[in-house]
Amino acid sequence: DGTLEIPYVESHKPSPLNVYGRSKAESEVKVLSLYSEALVVRTSSFFGPWDQFNFATNILKDLSLKKKVFVCRDIKVSPTYIPDLVHTCLDLLLDGEYGLLHLANEGALSWAEFARVVADQANQRNFCLDTCLDISLDTSLIIEKNLAELNLRAPRPRNSVLTSEKIKVMPTFENAVSRYFSELEIRI
């Protein structure tokens, strides 16, 4: 439910705020009750170079087109780079791991901080999507709002930062963002 002020670990009791969260929690219980050797992974806030609809890519697209982006400053997340998640899951499955695990890149930041990191990295690299009007992204177009100001339909947890008390296998968020841009540069 996002009320803890520390990262959530596997042993914290779930207390979902909305239907989406409840359905995920119920699915975890159901899968593990039917197959105790299953690997159930909790993760958060995906971003990746091949997904055109993730947060990081949308920030780049909108800023490239000189659009304002409204981002939440009072929700903390632990962004997860999709290639890291996939490789880690495959390694864990090959190693015979099972049970419930939290997998996210190390680090915690707000959606607003995430947007600024992406924009700053793009500017440092002189990176531009093919939609750019000019090479530099205007970070003043990133408009920070509190959760209450965004008028979202479903309640959101203020803290959904994940870490694992069982394993530490994911790289840092900073490392992941760097590789995200390297992969985008290769693709374009």
Protein backbone atom coordinates (compact mmCIF):
# COMPACT_ATOMS: atom_id res chain seq x y z
CA ASP A 1 0.00 0.00 0.00
CA GLY A 2 3.03 2.26 -0.05
CA THR A 3 2.84 3.34 3.59
CA LEU A 4 6.30 2.07 4.54
CA GLU A 5 9.11 4.57 4.14
CA ILE A 6 11.67 1.85 3.41
CA PRO A 7 12.02 -0.43 0.36
CA TYR A 8 9.65 -3.37 0.35
CA VAL A 9 11.19 -6.84 0.71
CA GLU A 10 9.69 -10.25 0.08
CA SER A 11 8.63 -10.82 3.70
CA HIS A 12 6.51 -7.66 3.92
CA LYS A 13 2.81 -8.52 3.97
CA PRO A 14 1.06 -7.25 0.82
CA SER A 15 -1.70 -4.72 1.35
CA PRO A 16 -2.75 -3.61 -2.15
CA LEU A 17 -4.55 -0.29 -2.64
CA ASN A 18 -6.40 -1.05 -5.87
CA VAL A 19 -7.85 -3.80 -8.04
CA TYR A 20 -4.64 -4.09 -10.08
CA GLY A 21 -2.57 -4.69 -6.94
CA ARG A 22 -5.10 -7.12 -5.47
CA SER A 23 -5.18 -9.17 -8.67
CA LYS A 24 -1.38 -9.42 -8.67
CA ALA A 25 -1.28 -10.45 -4.99
CA GLU A 26 -4.01 -13.05 -5.52
CA SER A 27 -2.16 -14.43 -8.56
CA GLU A 28 1.06 -14.84 -6.56
CA VAL A 29 -0.74 -16.81 -3.85
CA LYS A 30 -2.58 -18.95 -6.39
CA VAL A 31 0.53 -19.77 -8.44
CA LEU A 32 2.63 -20.67 -5.39
CA SER A 33 -0.19 -22.76 -3.89
CA LEU A 34 -0.54 -24.73 -7.14
CA TYR A 35 3.18 -25.08 -7.80
CA SER A 36 5.51 -24.45 -4.88
CA GLU A 37 8.58 -24.64 -7.12
CA ALA A 38 7.44 -21.71 -9.28
CA LEU A 39 9.52 -18.55 -9.46
CA VAL A 40 7.27 -15.55 -8.80
CA VAL A 41 8.91 -12.20 -9.47
CA ARG A 42 7.74 -8.83 -8.26
CA THR A 43 9.17 -5.94 -10.22
CA SER A 44 8.39 -2.32 -10.90
CA SER A 45 8.40 0.52 -13.42
CA PHE A 46 9.78 -1.17 -16.55
CA PHE A 47 11.82 0.63 -19.16
CA GLY A 48 13.66 -0.75 -22.14
CA PRO A 49 15.02 0.10 -25.56
CA TRP A 50 12.59 -2.02 -27.59
CA ASP A 51 9.38 -0.98 -25.86
CA GLN A 52 7.97 2.17 -27.44
CA PHE A 53 5.43 2.76 -24.66
CA ASN A 54 7.48 2.78 -21.47
CA PHE A 55 7.99 5.80 -19.22
CA ALA A 56 11.57 6.61 -20.30
CA THR A 57 10.80 6.41 -24.00
CA ASN A 58 7.63 8.47 -23.61
CA ILE A 59 9.59 11.18 -21.77
CA LEU A 60 12.12 11.28 -24.62
CA LYS A 61 9.39 11.40 -27.28
CA ASP A 62 7.40 14.14 -25.60
CA LEU A 63 10.39 16.34 -24.79
CA SER A 64 11.72 15.80 -28.33
CA LEU A 65 8.44 17.21 -29.61
CA LYS A 66 8.59 20.12 -27.14
CA LYS A 67 5.56 18.80 -25.23
CA LYS A 68 5.09 19.38 -21.52
CA VAL A 69 5.25 16.23 -19.43
CA PHE A 70 3.48 16.02 -16.09
CA VAL A 71 5.22 13.73 -13.64
CA CYS A 72 4.62 12.78 -10.04
CA ARG A 73 7.13 14.03 -7.49
CA ASP A 74 5.79 12.25 -4.42
CA ILE A 75 5.69 8.62 -5.56
CA LYS A 76 8.92 6.62 -5.17
CA VAL A 77 9.67 3.72 -7.51
CA SER A 78 12.52 1.38 -8.31
CA PRO A 79 12.79 1.42 -12.13
CA THR A 80 13.63 -1.88 -13.78
CA TYR A 81 15.56 -2.20 -17.03
CA ILE A 82 13.84 -4.95 -19.00
CA PRO A 83 17.04 -6.64 -20.32
CA ASP A 84 18.35 -6.89 -16.73
CA LEU A 85 15.06 -8.39 -15.57
CA VAL A 86 14.97 -10.94 -18.40
CA HIS A 87 18.61 -12.02 -17.99
CA THR A 88 18.29 -12.28 -14.21
CA CYS A 89 15.09 -14.32 -14.44
CA LEU A 90 16.67 -16.71 -16.93
CA ASP A 91 19.77 -17.11 -14.73
CA LEU A 92 17.62 -17.77 -11.65
CA LEU A 93 15.50 -20.34 -13.49
CA LEU A 94 18.61 -22.11 -14.77
CA ASP A 95 19.93 -22.16 -11.19
CA GLY A 96 16.70 -23.77 -10.00
CA GLU A 97 15.55 -20.82 -7.88
CA TYR A 98 11.92 -20.73 -6.81
CA GLY A 99 9.59 -18.83 -4.55
CA LEU A 100 8.88 -15.14 -4.36
CA LEU A 101 11.64 -12.66 -5.31
CA HIS A 102 11.84 -8.91 -5.77
CA LEU A 103 13.83 -7.95 -8.86
CA ALA A 104 14.43 -4.30 -9.71
CA ASN A 105 17.52 -2.28 -10.46
CA GLU A 106 19.12 -0.95 -7.29
CA GLY A 107 18.01 2.57 -6.49
CA ALA A 108 14.92 4.54 -5.62
CA LEU A 109 13.61 7.76 -7.09
CA SER A 110 10.40 9.60 -7.84
CA TRP A 111 8.80 9.57 -11.28
CA ALA A 112 9.91 13.21 -11.59
CA GLU A 113 13.51 12.30 -10.75
CA PHE A 114 13.33 9.42 -13.23
CA ALA A 115 12.16 11.83 -15.96
CA ARG A 116 14.97 14.27 -15.18
CA VAL A 117 17.63 11.54 -15.21
CA VAL A 118 16.43 10.37 -18.63
CA ALA A 119 16.36 13.91 -20.04
CA ASP A 120 19.74 14.81 -18.52
CA GLN A 121 21.35 11.64 -19.89
CA ALA A 122 19.93 12.39 -23.34
CA ASN A 123 21.31 15.93 -23.20
CA GLN A 124 24.75 14.77 -21.99
CA ARG A 125 24.93 12.33 -24.87
CA ASN A 126 23.45 14.71 -27.45
CA PHE A 127 20.94 11.96 -28.00
CA CYS A 128 17.83 12.59 -30.00
CA LEU A 129 15.02 10.35 -31.15
CA ASP A 130 14.08 10.70 -34.80
CA THR A 131 11.24 13.00 -33.69
CA CYS A 132 13.55 15.72 -32.31
CA LEU A 133 12.95 19.30 -33.30
CA ASP A 134 16.44 20.12 -32.01
CA ILE A 135 19.21 18.20 -30.27
CA SER A 136 18.71 19.55 -26.74
CA LEU A 137 15.76 18.49 -24.60
CA ASP A 138 14.19 21.31 -22.60
CA THR A 139 13.93 20.00 -19.04
CA SER A 140 11.75 22.98 -18.07
CA LEU A 141 8.97 21.10 -19.88
CA ILE A 142 9.06 18.51 -17.08
CA ILE A 143 6.27 19.69 -14.79
CA GLU A 144 6.31 18.13 -11.34
CA LYS A 145 3.00 17.50 -9.61
CA ASN A 146 1.95 15.85 -6.38
CA LEU A 147 -0.10 12.67 -6.67
CA ALA A 148 -3.25 14.48 -5.53
CA GLU A 149 -2.88 17.03 -8.35
CA LEU A 150 -2.78 14.37 -11.07
CA ASN A 151 -6.39 13.22 -10.56
CA LEU A 152 -5.64 9.58 -11.33
CA ARG A 153 -8.55 7.16 -11.38
CA ALA A 154 -7.08 4.45 -9.14
CA PRO A 155 -5.23 5.07 -5.89
CA ARG A 156 -1.46 4.68 -6.14
CA PRO A 157 1.03 3.70 -3.42
CA ARG A 158 3.40 6.55 -2.54
CA ASN A 159 6.26 4.06 -2.15
CA SER A 160 6.63 1.04 -4.39
CA VAL A 161 10.40 0.71 -4.06
CA LEU A 162 11.49 -2.92 -4.11
CA THR A 163 14.63 -4.61 -2.90
CA SER A 164 15.39 -8.21 -2.05
CA GLU A 165 16.29 -9.64 1.32
CA LYS A 166 17.24 -12.90 -0.43
CA ILE A 167 19.54 -11.96 -3.31
CA LYS A 168 21.36 -8.96 -4.74
CA VAL A 169 21.77 -9.58 -8.44
CA MET A 170 20.48 -6.53 -10.27
CA PRO A 171 22.77 -3.67 -11.39
CA THR A 172 22.21 -0.11 -10.25
CA PHE A 173 19.63 2.13 -11.88
CA GLU A 174 22.41 4.47 -13.08
CA ASN A 175 24.16 1.59 -14.81
CA ALA A 176 20.88 0.50 -16.40
CA VAL A 177 20.09 3.97 -17.75
CA SER A 178 23.53 4.19 -19.33
CA ARG A 179 23.01 0.85 -21.09
CA TYR A 180 19.49 1.90 -22.13
CA PHE A 181 20.94 4.88 -24.01
CA SER A 182 23.76 2.79 -25.50
CA GLU A 183 21.18 0.38 -26.88
CA LEU A 184 18.99 3.21 -28.21
CA GLU A 185 22.01 4.76 -29.95
CA ILE A 186 22.72 1.44 -31.68
CA ARG A 187 19.10 1.11 -32.81
CA ILE A 188 18.78 4.59 -34.29
